Amino acid sequence: MLLWDVWGVGARELYDAAAQVTAEDVSFTAVRALFAENDGLRTPQTVTSLAPFNGPSEVTVRG
């Protein structure tokens, strides 16, 4: 994913939680649990690209 690719709604709280888990001494177990329990941390099939050279568009991610 690129800097300007976004997905999800209300992700700020989730990102704050991820930042707390990954600050200083990182617990692999805690990080793995956070990732496993939160779909918002995984890239969905379609993202919104806010590329500065293209403008906003929906992009389907190839697997």
PDB file of N, CA and C in Angstrom:
ATOM      1  N   MET A   1       0.835  -1.149   0.000  1.00  0.00           N
ATOM      2  CA  MET A   1       0.000   0.000   0.000  1.00  0.00           C
ATOM      3  C   MET A   1       0.896   1.233   0.000  1.00  0.00           C
ATOM      4  N   LEU A   2       0.357   2.309  -0.527  1.00  0.00           N
ATOM      5  CA  LEU A   2       1.120   3.547  -0.631  1.00  0.00           C
ATOM      6  C   LEU A   2       0.644   4.564   0.402  1.00  0.00           C
ATOM      7  N   LEU A   3       1.417   5.579   0.554  1.00  0.00           N
ATOM      8  CA  LEU A   3       1.145   6.625   1.535  1.00  0.00           C
ATOM      9  C   LEU A   3      -0.265   7.204   1.401  1.00  0.00           C
ATOM     10  N   TRP A   4      -0.769   7.303   0.202  1.00  0.00           N
ATOM     11  CA  TRP A   4      -2.066   7.948  -0.029  1.00  0.00           C
ATOM     12  C   TRP A   4      -3.226   6.969  -0.190  1.00  0.00           C
ATOM     13  N   ASP A   5      -3.017   5.699   0.107  1.00  0.00           N
ATOM     14  CA  ASP A   5      -4.091   4.704   0.061  1.00  0.00           C
ATOM     15  C   ASP A   5      -4.734   4.598   1.441  1.00  0.00           C
ATOM     16  N   VAL A   6      -6.041   4.689   1.480  1.00  0.00           N
ATOM     17  CA  VAL A   6      -6.762   4.661   2.753  1.00  0.00           C
ATOM     18  C   VAL A   6      -7.938   3.698   2.683  1.00  0.00           C
ATOM     19  N   TRP A   7      -8.390   3.251   3.862  1.00  0.00           N
ATOM     20  CA  TRP A   7      -9.588   2.425   3.965  1.00  0.00           C
ATOM     21  C   TRP A   7     -10.091   2.509   5.394  1.00  0.00           C
ATOM     22  N   GLY A   8     -11.336   2.126   5.560  1.00  0.00           N
ATOM     23  CA  GLY A   8     -11.917   2.090   6.897  1.00  0.00           C
ATOM     24  C   GLY A   8     -12.495   3.431   7.329  1.00  0.00           C
ATOM     25  N   VAL A   9     -13.328   3.350   8.321  1.00  0.00           N
ATOM     26  CA  VAL A   9     -13.957   4.540   8.887  1.00  0.00           C
ATOM     27  C   VAL A   9     -13.635   4.565  10.370  1.00  0.00           C
ATOM     28  N   GLY A  10     -13.325   5.714  10.894  1.00  0.00           N
ATOM     29  CA  GLY A  10     -13.052   5.820  12.323  1.00  0.00           C
ATOM     30  C   GLY A  10     -11.800   5.074  12.745  1.00  0.00           C
ATOM     31  N   ALA A  11     -10.805   5.077  11.883  1.00  0.00           N
ATOM     32  CA  ALA A  11      -9.601   4.293  12.148  1.00  0.00           C
ATOM     33  C   ALA A  11      -8.681   4.944  13.169  1.00  0.00           C
ATOM     34  N   ARG A  12      -8.892   6.187  13.490  1.00  0.00           N
ATOM     35  CA  ARG A  12      -7.968   6.881  14.385  1.00  0.00           C
ATOM     36  C   ARG A  12      -7.808   6.166  15.723  1.00  0.00           C
ATOM     37  N   GLU A  13      -8.900   5.711  16.316  1.00  0.00           N
ATOM     38  CA  GLU A  13      -8.828   5.009  17.601  1.00  0.00           C
ATOM     39  C   GLU A  13      -8.045   3.707  17.467  1.00  0.00           C
ATOM     40  N   LEU A  14      -8.261   3.005  16.363  1.00  0.00           N
ATOM     41  CA  LEU A  14      -7.555   1.756  16.127  1.00  0.00           C
ATOM     42  C   LEU A  14      -6.061   2.008  15.933  1.00  0.00           C
ATOM     43  N   TYR A  15      -5.728   3.039  15.188  1.00  0.00           N
ATOM     44  CA  TYR A  15      -4.313   3.379  14.980  1.00  0.00           C
ATOM     45  C   TYR A  15      -3.664   3.816  16.286  1.00  0.00           C
ATOM     46  N   ASP A  16      -4.405   4.518  17.127  1.00  0.00           N
ATOM     47  CA  ASP A  16      -3.882   4.909  18.442  1.00  0.00           C
ATOM     48  C   ASP A  16      -3.582   3.668  19.285  1.00  0.00           C
ATOM     49  N   ALA A  17      -4.476   2.687  19.237  1.00  0.00           N
ATOM     50  CA  ALA A  17      -4.262   1.440  19.981  1.00  0.00           C
ATOM     51  C   ALA A  17      -3.041   0.700  19.442  1.00  0.00           C
ATOM     52  N   ALA A  18      -2.894   0.671  18.131  1.00  0.00           N
ATOM     53  CA  ALA A  18      -1.734   0.007  17.523  1.00  0.00           C
ATOM     54  C   ALA A  18      -0.445   0.732  17.903  1.00  0.00           C
ATOM     55  N   ALA A  19      -0.492   2.045  17.963  1.00  0.00           N
ATOM     56  CA  ALA A  19       0.696   2.817  18.345  1.00  0.00           C
ATOM     57  C   ALA A  19       1.106   2.503  19.781  1.00  0.00           C
ATOM     58  N   GLN A  20       0.146   2.353  20.662  1.00  0.00           N
ATOM     59  CA  GLN A  20       0.458   2.044  22.056  1.00  0.00           C
ATOM     60  C   GLN A  20       1.082   0.658  22.190  1.00  0.00           C
ATOM     61  N   VAL A  21       0.566  -0.306  21.423  1.00  0.00           N
ATOM     62  CA  VAL A  21       1.075  -1.680  21.506  1.00  0.00           C
ATOM     63  C   VAL A  21       2.490  -1.775  20.923  1.00  0.00           C
ATOM     64  N   THR A  22       2.797  -0.924  19.943  1.00  0.00           N
ATOM     65  CA  THR A  22       4.092  -1.019  19.269  1.00  0.00           C
ATOM     66  C   THR A  22       5.115  -0.009  19.766  1.00  0.00           C
ATOM     67  N   ALA A  23       4.791   0.736  20.808  1.00  0.00           N
ATOM     68  CA  ALA A  23       5.734   1.703  21.374  1.00  0.00           C
ATOM     69  C   ALA A  23       6.698   0.997  22.330  1.00  0.00           C
ATOM     70  N   GLU A  24       7.913   1.448  22.341  1.00  0.00           N
ATOM     71  CA  GLU A  24       8.956   0.955  23.247  1.00  0.00           C
ATOM     72  C   GLU A  24       9.135  -0.558  23.164  1.00  0.00           C
ATOM     73  N   ASP A  25       8.995  -1.278  24.260  1.00  0.00           N
ATOM     74  CA  ASP A  25       9.190  -2.733  24.254  1.00  0.00           C
ATOM     75  C   ASP A  25       7.989  -3.400  23.592  1.00  0.00           C
ATOM     76  N   VAL A  26       8.203  -3.907  22.388  1.00  0.00           N
ATOM     77  CA  VAL A  26       7.108  -4.477  21.599  1.00  0.00           C
ATOM     78  C   VAL A  26       6.893  -5.938  21.977  1.00  0.00           C
ATOM     79  N   SER A  27       5.656  -6.254  22.326  1.00  0.00           N
ATOM     80  CA  SER A  27       5.271  -7.629  22.624  1.00  0.00           C
ATOM     81  C   SER A  27       4.680  -8.246  21.358  1.00  0.00           C
ATOM     82  N   PHE A  28       5.384  -9.232  20.804  1.00  0.00           N
ATOM     83  CA  PHE A  28       4.888  -9.886  19.598  1.00  0.00           C
ATOM     84  C   PHE A  28       3.495 -10.459  19.823  1.00  0.00           C
ATOM     85  N   THR A  29       3.269 -11.027  20.987  1.00  0.00           N
ATOM     86  CA  THR A  29       1.970 -11.620  21.304  1.00  0.00           C
ATOM     87  C   THR A  29       0.872 -10.567  21.267  1.00  0.00           C
ATOM     88  N   ALA A  30       1.131  -9.394  21.836  1.00  0.00           N
ATOM     89  CA  ALA A  30       0.129  -8.323  21.857  1.00  0.00           C
ATOM     90  C   ALA A  30      -0.125  -7.782  20.450  1.00  0.00           C
ATOM     91  N   VAL A  31       0.933  -7.624  19.669  1.00  0.00           N
ATOM     92  CA  VAL A  31       0.779  -7.123  18.301  1.00  0.00           C
ATOM     93  C   VAL A  31      -0.004  -8.127  17.459  1.00  0.00           C
ATOM     94  N   ARG A  32       0.331  -9.391  17.591  1.00  0.00           N
ATOM     95  CA  ARG A  32      -0.371 -10.429  16.834  1.00  0.00           C
ATOM     96  C   ARG A  32      -1.851 -10.471  17.208  1.00  0.00           C
ATOM     97  N   ALA A  33      -2.157 -10.353  18.488  1.00  0.00           N
ATOM     98  CA  ALA A  33      -3.555 -10.356  18.944  1.00  0.00           C
ATOM     99  C   ALA A  33      -4.307  -9.150  18.393  1.00  0.00           C
ATOM    100  N   LEU A  34      -3.689  -7.977  18.435  1.00  0.00           N
ATOM    101  CA  LEU A  34      -4.336  -6.772  17.913  1.00  0.00           C
ATOM    102  C   LEU A  34      -4.646  -6.938  16.428  1.00  0.00           C
ATOM    103  N   PHE A  35      -3.682  -7.454  15.669  1.00  0.00           N
ATOM    104  CA  PHE A  35      -3.871  -7.662  14.228  1.00  0.00           C
ATOM    105  C   PHE A  35      -4.958  -8.697  13.963  1.00  0.00           C
ATOM    106  N   ALA A  36      -4.957  -9.784  14.726  1.00  0.00           N
ATOM    107  CA  ALA A  36      -5.929 -10.860  14.526  1.00  0.00           C
ATOM    108  C   ALA A  36      -7.347 -10.433  14.876  1.00  0.00           C
ATOM    109  N   GLU A  37      -7.487  -9.526  15.826  1.00  0.00           N
ATOM    110  CA  GLU A  37      -8.803  -9.128  16.318  1.00  0.00           C
ATOM    111  C   GLU A  37      -9.396  -7.923  15.604  1.00  0.00           C
ATOM    112  N   ASN A  38      -8.642  -7.281  14.714  1.00  0.00           N
ATOM    113  CA  ASN A  38      -9.112  -6.045  14.086  1.00  0.00           C
ATOM    114  C   ASN A  38      -8.964  -6.089  12.576  1.00  0.00           C
ATOM    115  N   ASP A  39     -10.086  -6.320  11.897  1.00  0.00           N
ATOM    116  CA  ASP A  39     -10.076  -6.353  10.434  1.00  0.00           C
ATOM    117  C   ASP A  39      -9.573  -5.039   9.842  1.00  0.00           C
ATOM    118  N   GLY A  40      -9.755  -3.925  10.556  1.00  0.00           N
ATOM    119  CA  GLY A  40      -9.341  -2.620  10.053  1.00  0.00           C
ATOM    120  C   GLY A  40      -7.846  -2.479   9.864  1.00  0.00           C
ATOM    121  N   LEU A  41      -7.059  -3.376  10.434  1.00  0.00           N
ATOM    122  CA  LEU A  41      -5.609  -3.334  10.251  1.00  0.00           C
ATOM    123  C   LEU A  41      -5.158  -4.115   9.020  1.00  0.00           C
ATOM    124  N   ARG A  42      -6.061  -4.879   8.437  1.00  0.00           N
ATOM    125  CA  ARG A  42      -5.732  -5.648   7.236  1.00  0.00           C
ATOM    126  C   ARG A  42      -6.257  -4.930   5.998  1.00  0.00           C
ATOM    127  N   THR A  43      -5.498  -5.000   4.937  1.00  0.00           N
ATOM    128  CA  THR A  43      -5.875  -4.329   3.697  1.00  0.00           C
ATOM    129  C   THR A  43      -7.064  -5.040   3.063  1.00  0.00           C
ATOM    130  N   PRO A  44      -8.148  -4.305   2.800  1.00  0.00           N
ATOM    131  CA  PRO A  44      -9.316  -4.928   2.152  1.00  0.00           C
ATOM    132  C   PRO A  44      -9.081  -5.087   0.646  1.00  0.00           C
ATOM    133  N   GLN A  45     -10.023  -5.711  -0.026  1.00  0.00           N
ATOM    134  CA  GLN A  45      -9.929  -5.932  -1.469  1.00  0.00           C
ATOM    135  C   GLN A  45      -9.936  -4.618  -2.254  1.00  0.00           C
ATOM    136  N   THR A  46     -10.656  -3.610  -1.738  1.00  0.00           N
ATOM    137  CA  THR A  46     -10.743  -2.311  -2.418  1.00  0.00           C
ATOM    138  C   THR A  46     -10.335  -1.208  -1.452  1.00  0.00           C
ATOM    139  N   VAL A  47      -9.474  -0.306  -1.927  1.00  0.00           N
ATOM    140  CA  VAL A  47      -9.038   0.835  -1.129  1.00  0.00           C
ATOM    141  C   VAL A  47      -9.323   2.112  -1.899  1.00  0.00           C
ATOM    142  N   THR A  48      -9.325   3.227  -1.194  1.00  0.00           N
ATOM    143  CA  THR A  48      -9.450   4.529  -1.837  1.00  0.00           C
ATOM    144  C   THR A  48      -8.053   5.100  -1.995  1.00  0.00           C
ATOM    145  N   SER A  49      -7.694   5.414  -3.212  1.00  0.00           N
ATOM    146  CA  SER A  49      -6.400   6.017  -3.493  1.00  0.00           C
ATOM    147  C   SER A  49      -6.587   7.525  -3.601  1.00  0.00           C
ATOM    148  N   LEU A  50      -5.813   8.255  -2.816  1.00  0.00           N
ATOM    149  CA  LEU A  50      -5.849   9.714  -2.857  1.00  0.00           C
ATOM    150  C   LEU A  50      -4.559  10.241  -3.484  1.00  0.00           C
ATOM    151  N   ALA A  51      -4.096   9.547  -4.519  1.00  0.00           N
ATOM    152  CA  ALA A  51      -2.842   9.901  -5.182  1.00  0.00           C
ATOM    153  C   ALA A  51      -2.894  11.346  -5.674  1.00  0.00           C
ATOM    154  N   PRO A  52      -1.879  12.128  -5.350  1.00  0.00           N
ATOM    155  CA  PRO A  52      -1.886  13.544  -5.729  1.00  0.00           C
ATOM    156  C   PRO A  52      -1.877  13.760  -7.239  1.00  0.00           C
ATOM    157  N   PHE A  53      -1.396  12.814  -8.012  1.00  0.00           N
ATOM    158  CA  PHE A  53      -1.322  12.975  -9.462  1.00  0.00           C
ATOM    159  C   PHE A  53      -2.556  12.454 -10.184  1.00  0.00           C
ATOM    160  N   ASN A  54      -3.429  11.700  -9.490  1.00  0.00           N
ATOM    161  CA  ASN A  54      -4.610  11.094 -10.111  1.00  0.00           C
ATOM    162  C   ASN A  54      -5.913  11.579  -9.523  1.00  0.00           C
ATOM    163  N   GLY A  55      -5.883  12.059  -8.307  1.00  0.00           N
ATOM    164  CA  GLY A  55      -7.103  12.391  -7.603  1.00  0.00           C
ATOM    165  C   GLY A  55      -7.713  11.149  -6.989  1.00  0.00           C
ATOM    166  N   PRO A  56      -8.792  11.301  -6.218  1.00  0.00           N
ATOM    167  CA  PRO A  56      -9.410  10.162  -5.544  1.00  0.00           C
ATOM    168  C   PRO A  56      -9.964   9.130  -6.519  1.00  0.00           C
ATOM    169  N   SER A  57      -9.709   7.846  -6.210  1.00  0.00           N
ATOM    170  CA  SER A  57     -10.297   6.776  -7.016  1.00  0.00           C
ATOM    171  C   SER A  57     -10.310   5.494  -6.189  1.00  0.00           C
ATOM    172  N   GLU A  58     -11.237   4.607  -6.525  1.00  0.00           N
ATOM    173  CA  GLU A  58     -11.323   3.306  -5.887  1.00  0.00           C
ATOM    174  C   GLU A  58     -10.400   2.346  -6.640  1.00  0.00           C
ATOM    175  N   VAL A  59      -9.594   1.597  -5.899  1.00  0.00           N
ATOM    176  CA  VAL A  59      -8.629   0.696  -6.511  1.00  0.00           C
ATOM    177  C   VAL A  59      -8.834  -0.708  -5.947  1.00  0.00           C
ATOM    178  N   THR A  60      -8.941  -1.688  -6.834  1.00  0.00           N
ATOM    179  CA  THR A  60      -9.048  -3.071  -6.413  1.00  0.00           C
ATOM    180  C   THR A  60      -7.638  -3.640  -6.308  1.00  0.00           C
ATOM    181  N   VAL A  61      -7.347  -4.209  -5.142  1.00  0.00           N
ATOM    182  CA  VAL A  61      -6.033  -4.741  -4.862  1.00  0.00           C
ATOM    183  C   VAL A  61      -5.951  -6.168  -5.406  1.00  0.00           C
ATOM    184  N   ARG A  62      -4.908  -6.456  -6.143  1.00  0.00           N
ATOM    185  CA  ARG A  62      -4.711  -7.816  -6.660  1.00  0.00           C
ATOM    186  C   ARG A  62      -4.043  -8.654  -5.603  1.00  0.00           C
ATOM    187  N   GLY A  63      -4.456  -9.901  -5.467  1.00  0.00           N
ATOM    188  CA  GLY A  63      -3.886 -10.784  -4.442  1.00  0.00           C
ATOM    189  C   GLY A  63      -2.880 -11.734  -4.964  1.00  0.00           C
TER     190      GLY A  63
END
